[in-house]
């Protein structure tokens, strides 16, 4: 603002706060009225008019207060906000999208401590989830898949105790494919000797069948409920591959090995009372 002294115009400092105060007084408004209409704390409005920048919050909040103050008294809010930022030492502001909300009391803004706690908590939860997925605390992902099936096998798998038997009679050549049929819902895994490759791994529904590929070299089976399976070689029904509710592992599904179970010697061995868990 220019003041006139005689015939000479003298430039007098006129701060943003002073211009806002002059416009407010010209409209006969009290600071309390401005505070009520803008929801800006009265102490901050007083500091703006007095140019007491040390009593104001951070520049972005203070500039927002000035913008709201200017709108109430009918001044150019954008121009005054820019000039007030420069007065507070913030320099020229970067281009930003105007905020659609009115300035709020900084006391309502979450503190830095709460933000830091939220970030740390998110990192901890994310790390715990990553460790759980890696299988460090609960075994490999494959073991968790077995544990999540409807009928997971137990770890104390049992095999029939071997006993001296008479030499078995020669077995006739296999006639027909090896077929597995589910008598009850049951989880099975069939694989080549040594564990890989896996030929099938699934939960079988009642009545569902699966045929061992003719190209399999030495297929073997793992299941926790052998009594829920019926195994056939062609038209020949094979006796149960293990005791009920006891896990069987590495049991051969080759046709000749299965047919050997139908001989009297194999039946005697299968009913032996001693059962040893796999280490």
Protein backbone atom coordinates (compact mmCIF):
# COMPACT_ATOMS: atom_id res chain seq x y z
CA UNK A 1 0.00 0.00 0.00
CA UNK A 2 1.22 3.47 -0.83
CA UNK A 3 0.89 6.42 1.57
CA UNK A 4 1.12 10.03 0.34
CA UNK A 5 3.32 12.57 2.08
CA UNK A 6 2.87 15.92 0.34
CA UNK A 7 3.48 15.41 -3.38
CA UNK A 8 5.53 12.26 -2.91
CA UNK A 9 4.29 8.67 -2.69
CA UNK A 10 6.05 6.60 -0.04
CA UNK A 11 6.00 2.80 -0.07
CA UNK A 12 5.06 1.54 3.41
CA UNK A 13 5.36 -2.13 4.41
CA UNK A 14 1.93 -3.72 4.38
CA UNK A 15 1.96 -7.37 5.41
CA UNK A 16 -0.64 -9.95 4.51
CA UNK A 17 -1.82 -10.01 8.11
CA UNK A 18 -2.25 -6.26 8.15
CA UNK A 19 -4.30 -6.34 4.94
CA UNK A 20 -6.51 -9.07 6.33
CA UNK A 21 -7.03 -7.09 9.56
CA UNK A 22 -7.91 -3.93 7.59
CA UNK A 23 -10.44 -5.81 5.44
CA UNK A 24 -11.97 -7.43 8.52
CA UNK A 25 -12.36 -4.14 10.35
CA UNK A 26 -13.85 -2.51 7.24
CA UNK A 27 -16.63 -5.12 7.43
CA UNK A 28 -17.02 -4.68 11.21
CA UNK A 29 -16.09 -8.31 11.87
CA UNK A 30 -14.43 -9.61 15.01
CA UNK A 31 -11.70 -12.23 14.95
CA UNK A 32 -14.08 -14.47 16.88
CA UNK A 33 -16.49 -14.25 13.93
CA UNK A 34 -13.71 -15.25 11.52
CA UNK A 35 -12.67 -18.12 13.79
CA UNK A 36 -16.23 -19.45 13.97
CA UNK A 37 -16.78 -19.28 10.21
CA UNK A 38 -13.39 -20.71 9.19
CA UNK A 39 -12.93 -23.13 12.12
CA UNK A 40 -9.40 -21.75 12.48
CA UNK A 41 -8.27 -21.34 16.13
CA UNK A 42 -8.54 -17.75 17.33
CA UNK A 43 -4.91 -17.72 18.54
CA UNK A 44 -3.70 -18.49 15.02
CA UNK A 45 -5.81 -15.72 13.48
CA UNK A 46 -4.36 -13.27 15.99
CA UNK A 47 -0.82 -14.42 15.13
CA UNK A 48 -1.52 -13.98 11.39
CA UNK A 49 -2.68 -10.38 11.82
CA UNK A 50 0.23 -9.58 14.13
CA UNK A 51 2.79 -11.24 11.84
CA UNK A 52 3.87 -13.48 14.71
CA UNK A 53 5.10 -16.36 12.56
CA UNK A 54 6.72 -18.16 15.49
CA UNK A 55 3.28 -18.73 17.02
CA UNK A 56 1.94 -20.38 13.88
CA UNK A 57 2.07 -24.07 12.91
CA UNK A 58 3.85 -25.40 9.82
CA UNK A 59 3.74 -23.33 6.63
CA UNK A 60 1.17 -25.50 4.77
CA UNK A 61 -1.33 -25.18 7.66
CA UNK A 62 -0.71 -21.46 8.12
CA UNK A 63 -1.12 -20.79 4.39
CA UNK A 64 -4.44 -22.66 4.53
CA UNK A 65 -5.56 -20.45 7.42
CA UNK A 66 -4.73 -17.32 5.42
CA UNK A 67 -6.60 -18.65 2.38
CA UNK A 68 -9.74 -19.26 4.47
CA UNK A 69 -9.42 -15.85 6.19
CA UNK A 70 -9.12 -14.08 2.82
CA UNK A 71 -12.21 -15.80 1.43
CA UNK A 72 -14.31 -14.58 4.36
CA UNK A 73 -13.26 -10.92 4.00
CA UNK A 74 -13.50 -10.95 0.18
CA UNK A 75 -9.79 -10.73 -0.74
CA UNK A 76 -7.85 -12.72 -3.36
CA UNK A 77 -7.14 -15.89 -1.39
CA UNK A 78 -4.63 -17.36 -3.87
CA UNK A 79 -2.51 -14.20 -4.03
CA UNK A 80 -2.49 -13.66 -0.28
CA UNK A 81 -1.68 -17.31 0.36
CA UNK A 82 1.32 -17.12 -1.98
CA UNK A 83 2.58 -13.87 -0.43
CA UNK A 84 2.11 -15.21 3.10
CA UNK A 85 4.15 -18.29 2.27
CA UNK A 86 6.97 -16.01 1.11
CA UNK A 87 6.69 -13.94 4.29
CA UNK A 88 7.09 -17.08 6.39
CA UNK A 89 10.19 -18.01 4.40
CA UNK A 90 8.65 -20.85 2.43
CA UNK A 91 9.58 -19.43 -0.97
CA UNK A 92 7.48 -19.98 -4.06
CA UNK A 93 5.17 -23.00 -3.54
CA UNK A 94 5.14 -25.93 -5.88
CA UNK A 95 2.09 -26.31 -8.07
CA UNK A 96 -0.49 -28.35 -6.18
CA UNK A 97 -4.10 -29.34 -6.72
CA UNK A 98 -6.42 -27.19 -4.56
CA UNK A 99 -7.69 -29.06 -1.54
CA UNK A 100 -11.49 -29.57 -1.55
CA UNK A 101 -11.76 -29.32 2.23
CA UNK A 102 -11.51 -26.37 4.54
CA UNK A 103 -8.49 -26.02 6.85
CA UNK A 104 -8.77 -27.96 10.06
CA UNK A 105 -7.23 -27.53 13.44
CA UNK A 106 -3.69 -29.03 13.37
CA UNK A 107 -4.47 -30.55 16.77
CA UNK A 108 -6.79 -32.98 14.97
CA UNK A 109 -4.07 -34.20 12.61
CA UNK A 110 -2.55 -37.58 13.65
CA UNK A 111 0.79 -37.16 15.36
CA UNK A 112 4.03 -38.39 13.85
CA UNK A 113 4.25 -40.97 16.64
CA UNK A 114 0.96 -42.62 15.61
CA UNK A 115 1.99 -42.65 11.95
CA UNK A 116 5.34 -44.23 12.85
CA UNK A 117 3.65 -46.90 14.98
CA UNK A 118 1.27 -47.74 12.13
CA UNK A 119 4.15 -48.12 9.66
CA UNK A 120 6.16 -50.33 12.03
CA UNK A 121 3.14 -52.51 12.73
CA UNK A 122 2.49 -52.95 9.00
CA UNK A 123 6.14 -53.95 8.43
CA UNK A 124 6.03 -56.48 11.29
CA UNK A 125 2.83 -58.07 10.02
CA UNK A 126 4.18 -58.19 6.48
CA UNK A 127 7.41 -59.84 7.65
CA UNK A 128 5.53 -62.41 9.73
CA UNK A 129 3.33 -63.31 6.78
CA UNK A 130 6.38 -63.71 4.54
CA UNK A 131 8.09 -66.01 7.05
CA UNK A 132 4.94 -68.09 7.39
CA UNK A 133 4.68 -68.46 3.63
CA UNK A 134 8.33 -69.49 3.40
CA UNK A 135 7.63 -72.52 5.62
CA UNK A 136 10.31 -71.76 8.23
CA UNK A 137 7.93 -72.31 11.18
CA UNK A 138 5.64 -74.97 9.75
CA UNK A 139 7.67 -77.10 7.35
CA UNK A 140 7.76 -76.84 3.57
CA UNK A 141 4.83 -75.60 1.52
CA UNK A 142 4.29 -79.16 0.28
CA UNK A 143 3.86 -80.40 3.89
CA UNK A 144 1.32 -77.64 4.55
CA UNK A 145 -0.59 -78.72 1.46
CA UNK A 146 -0.79 -82.26 2.84
CA UNK A 147 -1.84 -80.93 6.26
CA UNK A 148 -4.61 -78.83 4.65
CA UNK A 149 -6.19 -81.78 2.80
CA UNK A 150 -9.33 -83.42 4.06
CA UNK A 151 -7.49 -86.58 5.19
CA UNK A 152 -3.82 -85.76 5.86
CA UNK A 153 -1.50 -88.72 6.50
CA UNK A 154 0.16 -89.01 9.88
CA UNK A 155 3.91 -89.07 10.18
CA UNK A 156 4.08 -92.49 11.91
CA UNK A 157 3.64 -94.51 8.76
CA UNK A 158 3.62 -98.25 9.28
CA UNK A 159 4.69 -101.18 7.20
CA UNK A 160 3.87 -104.81 7.70
CA UNK A 161 6.58 -106.58 9.65
CA UNK A 162 8.55 -108.93 7.47
CA UNK A 163 8.56 -112.56 8.46
CA UNK A 164 10.21 -115.61 6.94
CA UNK A 165 7.94 -117.12 4.34
CA UNK A 166 8.17 -119.83 1.80
CA UNK A 167 9.26 -118.78 -1.68
CA UNK A 168 6.26 -117.48 -3.58
CA UNK A 169 5.02 -119.29 -6.60
CA UNK A 170 5.66 -117.59 -9.93
CA UNK A 171 3.09 -114.86 -10.61
CA UNK A 172 1.18 -114.81 -13.83
CA UNK A 173 1.78 -111.87 -16.12
CA UNK A 174 -0.33 -108.84 -15.31
CA UNK A 175 -3.50 -108.61 -17.30
CA UNK A 176 -4.88 -105.10 -17.56
CA UNK A 177 -4.04 -101.65 -16.15
CA UNK A 178 -3.57 -100.67 -12.50
CA UNK A 179 -6.62 -98.65 -11.40
CA UNK A 180 -7.20 -96.84 -8.07
CA UNK A 181 -10.83 -96.26 -7.00
CA UNK A 182 -11.86 -94.10 -4.02
CA UNK A 183 -14.34 -95.83 -1.70
CA UNK A 184 -14.35 -92.74 0.57
CA UNK A 185 -12.99 -89.21 0.24
CA UNK A 186 -9.22 -89.66 0.45
CA UNK A 187 -5.98 -87.81 -0.29
CA UNK A 188 -3.39 -89.66 -2.41
CA UNK A 189 -0.01 -88.96 -3.98
CA UNK A 190 1.51 -91.24 -6.64
CA UNK A 191 5.11 -90.68 -7.69
CA UNK A 192 8.08 -92.40 -9.25
CA UNK A 193 10.52 -94.13 -6.90
CA UNK A 194 12.71 -91.49 -5.25
CA UNK A 195 9.89 -88.96 -4.91
CA UNK A 196 9.92 -87.36 -8.34
CA UNK A 197 8.26 -86.84 -10.62
CA UNK A 198 4.81 -86.81 -9.03
CA UNK A 199 2.28 -88.56 -11.24
CA UNK A 200 -0.77 -87.32 -9.30
CA UNK A 201 -1.55 -85.58 -6.01
CA UNK A 202 -5.17 -84.87 -5.18
CA UNK A 203 -8.21 -85.40 -2.96
CA UNK A 204 -10.28 -88.12 -4.60
CA UNK A 205 -14.07 -88.11 -4.26
CA UNK A 206 -16.15 -91.21 -3.67
CA UNK A 207 -16.24 -93.33 -6.82
CA UNK A 208 -13.45 -91.38 -8.54
CA UNK A 209 -10.85 -93.50 -10.33
CA UNK A 210 -7.29 -92.93 -11.51
CA UNK A 211 -5.27 -95.20 -13.80
CA UNK A 212 -1.51 -95.59 -13.40
CA UNK A 213 0.10 -94.52 -16.69
CA UNK A 214 1.51 -97.38 -18.73
CA UNK A 215 4.71 -95.34 -19.11
CA UNK A 216 5.36 -95.26 -15.33
CA UNK A 217 8.65 -97.00 -14.43
CA UNK A 218 8.27 -97.68 -10.68
CA UNK A 219 5.15 -95.87 -9.39
CA UNK A 220 4.68 -95.69 -5.62
CA UNK A 221 1.86 -94.36 -3.42
CA UNK A 222 1.52 -92.25 -0.27
CA UNK A 223 -1.81 -91.93 1.57
CA UNK A 224 -3.08 -91.74 5.12
CA UNK A 225 -6.19 -93.94 4.61
CA UNK A 226 -5.37 -97.04 2.60
CA UNK A 227 -8.69 -98.64 3.56
CA UNK A 228 -10.47 -95.94 1.52
CA UNK A 229 -8.90 -97.19 -1.75
CA UNK A 230 -9.64 -100.17 -3.95
CA UNK A 231 -6.75 -101.16 -6.21
CA UNK A 232 -7.26 -103.45 -9.18
CA UNK A 233 -4.97 -104.96 -11.80
CA UNK A 234 -7.23 -105.67 -14.70
CA UNK A 235 -10.09 -107.70 -13.16
CA UNK A 236 -8.05 -108.70 -10.08
CA UNK A 237 -8.88 -106.89 -6.84
CA UNK A 238 -5.78 -106.31 -4.70
CA UNK A 239 -6.01 -106.64 -0.89
CA UNK A 240 -5.72 -103.36 1.13
CA UNK A 241 -2.28 -101.78 0.84
CA UNK A 242 -2.03 -101.14 4.59
CA UNK A 243 -3.78 -101.10 7.94
CA UNK A 244 -6.80 -98.74 8.33
CA UNK A 245 -6.00 -95.16 9.26
CA UNK A 246 -2.24 -95.80 9.09
CA UNK A 247 -0.11 -93.92 6.58
CA UNK A 248 1.54 -95.96 3.87
CA UNK A 249 4.52 -94.61 1.96
CA UNK A 250 6.69 -95.88 -0.93
CA UNK A 251 4.28 -98.78 -1.60
CA UNK A 252 4.82 -100.03 -5.14
CA UNK A 253 1.97 -99.80 -7.66
CA UNK A 254 3.71 -101.95 -10.26
CA UNK A 255 1.35 -104.67 -11.51
CA UNK A 256 3.60 -107.58 -10.53
CA UNK A 257 4.18 -106.20 -7.02
CA UNK A 258 0.43 -105.76 -6.53
CA UNK A 259 -0.40 -109.24 -7.83
CA UNK A 260 2.14 -110.68 -5.41
CA UNK A 261 -0.14 -109.46 -2.61
CA UNK A 262 -2.84 -111.90 -3.72
CA UNK A 263 -0.75 -115.01 -2.92
CA UNK A 264 -1.28 -116.92 0.37
CA UNK A 265 2.26 -116.07 1.53
CA UNK A 266 1.62 -112.35 0.97
CA UNK A 267 -1.67 -112.54 2.89
CA UNK A 268 0.15 -114.14 5.87
CA UNK A 269 2.76 -111.37 5.85
CA UNK A 270 0.12 -108.64 5.59
CA UNK A 271 -1.64 -109.89 8.75
CA UNK A 272 1.50 -110.06 10.91
CA UNK A 273 0.79 -108.29 14.25
CA UNK A 274 4.05 -106.37 14.55
CA UNK A 275 3.92 -102.86 13.05
CA UNK A 276 6.99 -100.66 12.99
CA UNK A 277 6.68 -96.90 12.33
CA UNK A 278 8.95 -95.40 9.70
CA UNK A 279 11.74 -93.38 11.37
